[in-house]
Amino acid sequence: MDTQTRHFEEELAALSRTLDTALERMRRLAEENASLRRGRDQMAGERAALMARNEQARTRVEAMIERLKSLEAAG
């Protein structure tokens, strides 16, 4: 095998390794992205549940205040 062919094959092997590394990074980033999206969706669900609980608590406190006002007015 002559020097030029060997050099070409070495460059091709280096390019192949670089491509393999890039593909592996892309795979890991895709997995991380999917995980982050799942986390975001879970947090959005938790936020909605907390907002609903907060609204229920606010409604109950307002109702208690109204009852106290009516008891105060009646007394």
Protein backbone atom coordinates (compact mmCIF):
# COMPACT_ATOMS: atom_id res chain seq x y z
CA MET A 1 0.00 0.00 0.00
CA ASP A 2 1.46 3.36 -0.93
CA THR A 3 1.77 6.36 1.38
CA GLN A 4 -1.03 8.32 -0.25
CA THR A 5 -3.52 5.45 0.13
CA ARG A 6 -2.49 4.88 3.75
CA HIS A 7 -2.87 8.60 4.50
CA PHE A 8 -6.31 8.62 2.87
CA GLU A 9 -7.40 5.58 4.93
CA GLU A 10 -6.13 7.21 8.13
CA GLU A 11 -8.09 10.37 7.36
CA LEU A 12 -11.15 8.29 6.57
CA ALA A 13 -10.81 6.40 9.88
CA ALA A 14 -10.42 9.70 11.78
CA LEU A 15 -13.50 11.08 10.04
CA SER A 16 -15.42 7.92 10.92
CA ARG A 17 -14.44 8.28 14.61
CA THR A 18 -15.48 11.94 14.56
CA LEU A 19 -18.82 11.00 13.04
CA ASP A 20 -19.36 8.24 15.62
CA THR A 21 -18.63 10.73 18.41
CA ALA A 22 -21.02 13.27 16.94
CA LEU A 23 -23.77 10.65 16.56
CA GLU A 24 -23.31 9.52 20.17
CA ARG A 25 -23.52 13.12 21.40
CA MET A 26 -26.64 13.65 19.32
CA ARG A 27 -28.22 10.51 20.81
CA ARG A 28 -27.40 11.63 24.37
CA LEU A 29 -28.75 15.12 23.70
CA ALA A 30 -31.96 13.67 22.26
CA GLU A 31 -32.40 11.55 25.40
CA GLU A 32 -31.70 14.53 27.64
CA ASN A 33 -34.12 16.66 25.65
CA ALA A 34 -36.85 14.03 26.00
CA SER A 35 -36.20 13.82 29.73
CA LEU A 36 -36.36 17.59 30.09
CA ARG A 37 -39.64 17.67 28.16
CA ARG A 38 -41.12 15.00 30.44
CA GLY A 39 -39.98 16.98 33.48
CA ARG A 40 -41.47 20.16 32.07
CA ASP A 41 -44.78 18.43 31.43
CA GLN A 42 -44.80 16.96 34.92
CA MET A 43 -44.04 20.34 36.47
CA ALA A 44 -46.81 21.97 34.43
CA GLY A 45 -49.25 19.37 35.76
CA GLU A 46 -48.07 19.94 39.32
CA ARG A 47 -48.39 23.70 38.85
CA ALA A 48 -51.96 23.33 37.59
CA ALA A 49 -52.84 21.14 40.58
CA LEU A 50 -51.29 23.65 42.99
CA MET A 51 -53.17 26.50 41.36
CA ALA A 52 -56.42 24.57 41.71
CA ARG A 53 -55.71 23.87 45.39
CA ASN A 54 -54.83 27.53 45.92
CA GLU A 55 -58.12 28.59 44.32
CA GLN A 56 -60.06 26.16 46.54
CA ALA A 57 -58.32 27.52 49.64
CA ARG A 58 -59.02 31.10 48.58
CA THR A 59 -62.69 30.30 48.05
CA ARG A 60 -62.94 28.63 51.46
CA VAL A 61 -61.22 31.57 53.20
CA GLU A 62 -63.55 34.02 51.47
CA ALA A 63 -66.54 31.95 52.57
CA MET A 64 -65.26 31.93 56.17
CA ILE A 65 -64.80 35.70 56.07
CA GLU A 66 -68.36 36.14 54.82
CA ARG A 67 -69.69 33.89 57.61
CA LEU A 68 -67.73 35.84 60.20
CA LYS A 69 -69.10 39.11 58.83
CA SER A 70 -72.64 37.77 58.98
CA LEU A 71 -72.13 36.52 62.56
CA GLU A 72 -70.71 39.90 63.52
CA ALA A 73 -73.66 41.72 61.92
CA ALA A 74 -76.15 39.40 63.64
CA GLY A 75 -74.48 39.76 67.05
